[in-house]
Amino acid sequence: MHAISRGELKAGDQLPTVREVAVELSINPNTVNRAYADLERDGYLTSHRGRGTFIAEPRSAAKTGPTQRDRLQDVARRALTECRSFGFTVEDLIDAIQRSGSRRT
């Protein structure tokens, strides 16, 4: 999503296969598959059986643009995914957010 928002990936660009990403990052292919599925469900990717996974055409902001709640949910999902990749739990993330919030007040 960061690469899409920065313009590094554009609509129609093909992504590497699940296996290629898993090997390159030394992670379980199921993790990559789940991430691709989440991004496809959210409208960022599109899959074509036998052809691959591609960056989806942008959605019309007027019709389907994300709400503030959608954006916050996306931030939470990305934070949790990253935390899990480092071995942290949901509780660890919540605790860190609460500590960070209390220091800013």
N, C-alpha and C. Protein backbone atom coordinates (compact mmCIF):
# COMPACT_ATOMS: atom_id res chain seq x y z
N MET A 1 0.82 -1.18 0.00
CA MET A 1 0.00 0.00 0.00
C MET A 1 0.87 1.25 0.00
N HIS A 2 2.01 1.17 0.70
CA HIS A 2 2.91 2.33 0.70
C HIS A 2 3.46 2.57 -0.70
N ALA A 3 3.86 1.51 -1.37
CA ALA A 3 4.43 1.63 -2.72
C ALA A 3 3.39 2.17 -3.70
N ILE A 4 2.14 1.80 -3.51
CA ILE A 4 1.06 2.30 -4.37
C ILE A 4 0.86 3.79 -4.10
N SER A 5 0.78 4.17 -2.83
CA SER A 5 0.53 5.58 -2.50
C SER A 5 1.70 6.47 -2.92
N ARG A 6 2.92 5.94 -2.93
CA ARG A 6 4.09 6.71 -3.35
C ARG A 6 4.27 6.70 -4.87
N GLY A 7 3.44 5.92 -5.57
CA GLY A 7 3.54 5.86 -7.02
C GLY A 7 4.60 4.90 -7.52
N GLU A 8 5.19 4.12 -6.63
CA GLU A 8 6.20 3.14 -7.05
C GLU A 8 5.55 1.97 -7.78
N LEU A 9 4.32 1.65 -7.40
CA LEU A 9 3.53 0.63 -8.08
C LEU A 9 2.29 1.30 -8.63
N LYS A 10 1.97 0.97 -9.88
CA LYS A 10 0.83 1.59 -10.54
C LYS A 10 -0.16 0.52 -10.98
N ALA A 11 -1.38 0.95 -11.25
CA ALA A 11 -2.42 0.04 -11.71
C ALA A 11 -1.90 -0.78 -12.89
N GLY A 12 -2.10 -2.09 -12.79
CA GLY A 12 -1.68 -3.00 -13.85
C GLY A 12 -0.32 -3.64 -13.61
N ASP A 13 0.47 -3.10 -12.69
CA ASP A 13 1.78 -3.71 -12.39
C ASP A 13 1.56 -5.08 -11.77
N GLN A 14 2.36 -6.03 -12.21
CA GLN A 14 2.25 -7.39 -11.66
C GLN A 14 3.14 -7.53 -10.43
N LEU A 15 2.60 -8.18 -9.42
CA LEU A 15 3.35 -8.45 -8.19
C LEU A 15 4.05 -9.79 -8.32
N PRO A 16 5.11 -9.99 -7.54
CA PRO A 16 5.76 -11.30 -7.53
C PRO A 16 4.79 -12.35 -6.97
N THR A 17 5.06 -13.60 -7.28
CA THR A 17 4.21 -14.67 -6.79
C THR A 17 4.34 -14.79 -5.28
N VAL A 18 3.36 -15.44 -4.68
CA VAL A 18 3.38 -15.69 -3.24
C VAL A 18 4.68 -16.39 -2.87
N ARG A 19 5.03 -17.39 -3.63
CA ARG A 19 6.25 -18.16 -3.35
C ARG A 19 7.49 -17.28 -3.43
N GLU A 20 7.59 -16.43 -4.45
CA GLU A 20 8.76 -15.56 -4.59
C GLU A 20 8.90 -14.62 -3.38
N VAL A 21 7.79 -14.04 -2.95
CA VAL A 21 7.83 -13.13 -1.80
C VAL A 21 8.22 -13.90 -0.54
N ALA A 22 7.62 -15.08 -0.36
CA ALA A 22 7.91 -15.87 0.84
C ALA A 22 9.39 -16.25 0.90
N VAL A 23 9.95 -16.65 -0.22
CA VAL A 23 11.37 -17.02 -0.25
C VAL A 23 12.25 -15.80 0.01
N GLU A 24 11.94 -14.69 -0.66
CA GLU A 24 12.76 -13.48 -0.50
C GLU A 24 12.74 -12.96 0.93
N LEU A 25 11.57 -13.02 1.59
CA LEU A 25 11.45 -12.49 2.95
C LEU A 25 11.65 -13.55 4.03
N SER A 26 11.85 -14.80 3.60
CA SER A 26 12.01 -15.93 4.53
C SER A 26 10.83 -16.02 5.50
N ILE A 27 9.62 -15.96 4.93
CA ILE A 27 8.41 -16.10 5.73
C ILE A 27 7.53 -17.19 5.13
N ASN A 28 6.54 -17.59 5.90
CA ASN A 28 5.63 -18.64 5.47
C ASN A 28 4.79 -18.14 4.30
N PRO A 29 4.64 -18.95 3.24
CA PRO A 29 3.81 -18.55 2.11
C PRO A 29 2.36 -18.23 2.51
N ASN A 30 1.86 -18.88 3.57
CA ASN A 30 0.50 -18.59 4.02
C ASN A 30 0.36 -17.14 4.48
N THR A 31 1.42 -16.58 5.05
CA THR A 31 1.42 -15.19 5.49
C THR A 31 1.29 -14.26 4.28
N VAL A 32 2.06 -14.55 3.24
CA VAL A 32 2.00 -13.74 2.03
C VAL A 32 0.63 -13.89 1.37
N ASN A 33 0.15 -15.11 1.30
CA ASN A 33 -1.15 -15.36 0.69
C ASN A 33 -2.26 -14.59 1.41
N ARG A 34 -2.19 -14.58 2.74
CA ARG A 34 -3.19 -13.85 3.53
C ARG A 34 -3.09 -12.35 3.27
N ALA A 35 -1.87 -11.83 3.19
CA ALA A 35 -1.69 -10.39 2.91
C ALA A 35 -2.23 -10.04 1.53
N TYR A 36 -1.92 -10.86 0.52
CA TYR A 36 -2.44 -10.63 -0.82
C TYR A 36 -3.96 -10.68 -0.80
N ALA A 37 -4.53 -11.64 -0.09
CA ALA A 37 -5.99 -11.78 -0.03
C ALA A 37 -6.62 -10.56 0.65
N ASP A 38 -6.01 -10.07 1.72
CA ASP A 38 -6.52 -8.89 2.41
C ASP A 38 -6.48 -7.67 1.49
N LEU A 39 -5.38 -7.51 0.77
CA LEU A 39 -5.24 -6.37 -0.14
C LEU A 39 -6.21 -6.48 -1.32
N GLU A 40 -6.47 -7.70 -1.75
CA GLU A 40 -7.45 -7.87 -2.82
C GLU A 40 -8.86 -7.56 -2.31
N ARG A 41 -9.18 -8.04 -1.13
CA ARG A 41 -10.49 -7.76 -0.53
C ARG A 41 -10.70 -6.25 -0.36
N ASP A 42 -9.64 -5.53 -0.02
CA ASP A 42 -9.73 -4.09 0.19
C ASP A 42 -9.66 -3.29 -1.11
N GLY A 43 -9.51 -4.00 -2.24
CA GLY A 43 -9.55 -3.34 -3.54
C GLY A 43 -8.22 -2.84 -4.07
N TYR A 44 -7.12 -3.19 -3.42
CA TYR A 44 -5.81 -2.74 -3.88
C TYR A 44 -5.20 -3.66 -4.94
N LEU A 45 -5.57 -4.93 -4.89
CA LEU A 45 -5.04 -5.92 -5.83
C LEU A 45 -6.16 -6.62 -6.56
N THR A 46 -5.80 -7.23 -7.66
CA THR A 46 -6.71 -8.10 -8.38
C THR A 46 -5.93 -9.32 -8.85
N SER A 47 -6.52 -10.49 -8.72
CA SER A 47 -5.86 -11.73 -9.11
C SER A 47 -6.53 -12.31 -10.33
N HIS A 48 -5.72 -12.86 -11.21
CA HIS A 48 -6.22 -13.54 -12.40
C HIS A 48 -5.59 -14.93 -12.42
N ARG A 49 -6.42 -15.93 -12.24
CA ARG A 49 -5.95 -17.31 -12.18
C ARG A 49 -5.07 -17.64 -13.38
N GLY A 50 -3.89 -18.14 -13.10
CA GLY A 50 -2.96 -18.52 -14.14
C GLY A 50 -2.13 -17.38 -14.70
N ARG A 51 -2.50 -16.15 -14.38
CA ARG A 51 -1.75 -14.98 -14.87
C ARG A 51 -1.00 -14.26 -13.77
N GLY A 52 -1.57 -14.22 -12.57
CA GLY A 52 -0.87 -13.57 -11.47
C GLY A 52 -1.72 -12.56 -10.73
N THR A 53 -1.03 -11.79 -9.89
CA THR A 53 -1.67 -10.77 -9.05
C THR A 53 -1.17 -9.41 -9.51
N PHE A 54 -2.10 -8.47 -9.63
CA PHE A 54 -1.79 -7.16 -10.18
C PHE A 54 -2.34 -6.05 -9.29
N ILE A 55 -1.74 -4.87 -9.41
CA ILE A 55 -2.26 -3.69 -8.73
C ILE A 55 -3.58 -3.34 -9.42
N ALA A 56 -4.63 -3.14 -8.62
CA ALA A 56 -5.95 -2.84 -9.16
C ALA A 56 -6.03 -1.40 -9.64
N GLU A 57 -6.98 -1.16 -10.53
CA GLU A 57 -7.28 0.21 -10.96
C GLU A 57 -7.79 0.98 -9.75
N PRO A 58 -7.43 2.24 -9.61
CA PRO A 58 -7.92 3.02 -8.47
C PRO A 58 -9.44 3.10 -8.48
N ARG A 59 -10.00 3.06 -7.28
CA ARG A 59 -11.45 3.20 -7.15
C ARG A 59 -11.80 4.68 -7.18
N SER A 60 -12.98 4.97 -7.60
CA SER A 60 -13.45 6.35 -7.62
C SER A 60 -13.56 6.85 -6.19
N ALA A 61 -12.85 7.89 -5.87
CA ALA A 61 -12.86 8.42 -4.51
C ALA A 61 -14.26 8.89 -4.11
N ALA A 62 -15.02 9.41 -5.07
CA ALA A 62 -16.35 9.91 -4.75
C ALA A 62 -17.28 8.77 -4.32
N LYS A 63 -17.11 7.60 -4.90
CA LYS A 63 -18.01 6.49 -4.61
C LYS A 63 -17.50 5.58 -3.51
N THR A 64 -16.22 5.27 -3.54
CA THR A 64 -15.73 4.23 -2.63
C THR A 64 -14.52 4.66 -1.82
N GLY A 65 -14.27 5.95 -1.73
CA GLY A 65 -13.12 6.42 -0.98
C GLY A 65 -13.20 6.00 0.48
N PRO A 66 -12.04 5.76 1.07
CA PRO A 66 -12.04 5.32 2.46
C PRO A 66 -12.50 6.41 3.41
N THR A 67 -13.21 6.01 4.41
CA THR A 67 -13.64 6.93 5.47
C THR A 67 -12.50 7.04 6.48
N GLN A 68 -12.63 7.95 7.41
CA GLN A 68 -11.63 8.07 8.47
C GLN A 68 -11.52 6.76 9.24
N ARG A 69 -12.67 6.13 9.49
CA ARG A 69 -12.67 4.86 10.22
C ARG A 69 -11.93 3.78 9.40
N ASP A 70 -12.13 3.77 8.08
CA ASP A 70 -11.43 2.83 7.20
C ASP A 70 -9.93 3.05 7.28
N ARG A 71 -9.53 4.31 7.28
CA ARG A 71 -8.10 4.63 7.35
C ARG A 71 -7.49 4.17 8.67
N LEU A 72 -8.22 4.42 9.75
CA LEU A 72 -7.73 3.98 11.06
C LEU A 72 -7.64 2.46 11.12
N GLN A 73 -8.64 1.78 10.58
CA GLN A 73 -8.62 0.32 10.55
C GLN A 73 -7.43 -0.18 9.75
N ASP A 74 -7.12 0.49 8.65
CA ASP A 74 -5.97 0.13 7.83
C ASP A 74 -4.67 0.31 8.60
N VAL A 75 -4.54 1.42 9.31
CA VAL A 75 -3.34 1.67 10.12
C VAL A 75 -3.19 0.58 11.17
N ALA A 76 -4.30 0.24 11.83
CA ALA A 76 -4.26 -0.80 12.87
C ALA A 76 -3.86 -2.14 12.28
N ARG A 77 -4.43 -2.48 11.13
CA ARG A 77 -4.12 -3.76 10.49
C ARG A 77 -2.64 -3.85 10.11
N ARG A 78 -2.11 -2.74 9.54
CA ARG A 78 -0.70 -2.74 9.15
C ARG A 78 0.21 -2.81 10.37
N ALA A 79 -0.15 -2.08 11.44
CA ALA A 79 0.65 -2.10 12.66
C ALA A 79 0.67 -3.50 13.26
N LEU A 80 -0.49 -4.13 13.31
CA LEU A 80 -0.57 -5.48 13.88
C LEU A 80 0.22 -6.48 13.03
N THR A 81 0.12 -6.37 11.73
CA THR A 81 0.87 -7.26 10.84
C THR A 81 2.37 -7.11 11.07
N GLU A 82 2.81 -5.86 11.16
CA GLU A 82 4.25 -5.62 11.37
C GLU A 82 4.68 -6.13 12.74
N CYS A 83 3.88 -5.87 13.77
CA CYS A 83 4.21 -6.34 15.11
C CYS A 83 4.33 -7.87 15.14
N ARG A 84 3.37 -8.53 14.52
CA ARG A 84 3.40 -10.00 14.48
C ARG A 84 4.65 -10.51 13.77
N SER A 85 5.09 -9.79 12.73
CA SER A 85 6.28 -10.23 12.01
C SER A 85 7.52 -10.16 12.88
N PHE A 86 7.48 -9.33 13.94
CA PHE A 86 8.58 -9.22 14.89
C PHE A 86 8.36 -10.04 16.15
N GLY A 87 7.26 -10.79 16.18
CA GLY A 87 6.99 -11.67 17.31
C GLY A 87 6.21 -11.04 18.45
N PHE A 88 5.66 -9.84 18.25
CA PHE A 88 4.87 -9.20 19.28
C PHE A 88 3.41 -9.66 19.20
N THR A 89 2.70 -9.52 20.30
CA THR A 89 1.29 -9.90 20.35
C THR A 89 0.41 -8.66 20.23
N VAL A 90 -0.88 -8.89 20.10
CA VAL A 90 -1.85 -7.79 20.09
C VAL A 90 -1.73 -7.01 21.39
N GLU A 91 -1.60 -7.72 22.47
CA GLU A 91 -1.49 -7.06 23.78
C GLU A 91 -0.25 -6.19 23.86
N ASP A 92 0.87 -6.66 23.28
CA ASP A 92 2.10 -5.85 23.26
C ASP A 92 1.85 -4.54 22.50
N LEU A 93 1.16 -4.63 21.38
CA LEU A 93 0.87 -3.45 20.57
C LEU A 93 -0.04 -2.48 21.33
N ILE A 94 -1.09 -2.99 21.94
CA ILE A 94 -2.01 -2.14 22.71
C ILE A 94 -1.27 -1.45 23.84
N ASP A 95 -0.43 -2.20 24.54
CA ASP A 95 0.34 -1.64 25.64
C ASP A 95 1.27 -0.52 25.14
N ALA A 96 1.93 -0.75 24.03
CA ALA A 96 2.84 0.25 23.48
C ALA A 96 2.07 1.51 23.06
N ILE A 97 0.89 1.34 22.47
CA ILE A 97 0.08 2.49 22.07
C ILE A 97 -0.37 3.27 23.30
N GLN A 98 -0.80 2.56 24.34
CA GLN A 98 -1.24 3.25 25.56
C GLN A 98 -0.09 4.01 26.20
N ARG A 99 1.09 3.40 26.24
CA ARG A 99 2.26 4.09 26.82
C ARG A 99 2.62 5.32 25.99
N SER A 100 2.59 5.19 24.67
CA SER A 100 2.92 6.32 23.80
C SER A 100 1.90 7.44 23.96
N GLY A 101 0.63 7.08 24.05
CA GLY A 101 -0.42 8.09 24.22
C GLY A 101 -0.33 8.82 25.54
N SER A 102 0.03 8.11 26.60
CA SER A 102 0.10 8.75 27.91
C SER A 102 1.32 9.67 28.01
N ARG A 103 2.35 9.43 27.24
CA ARG A 103 3.53 10.29 27.27
C ARG A 103 3.30 11.60 26.54
N ARG A 104 2.35 11.63 25.61
CA ARG A 104 2.11 12.83 24.81
C ARG A 104 1.15 13.78 25.48
N THR A 105 0.46 13.36 26.53
CA THR A 105 -0.51 14.23 27.17
C THR A 105 0.11 15.06 28.27
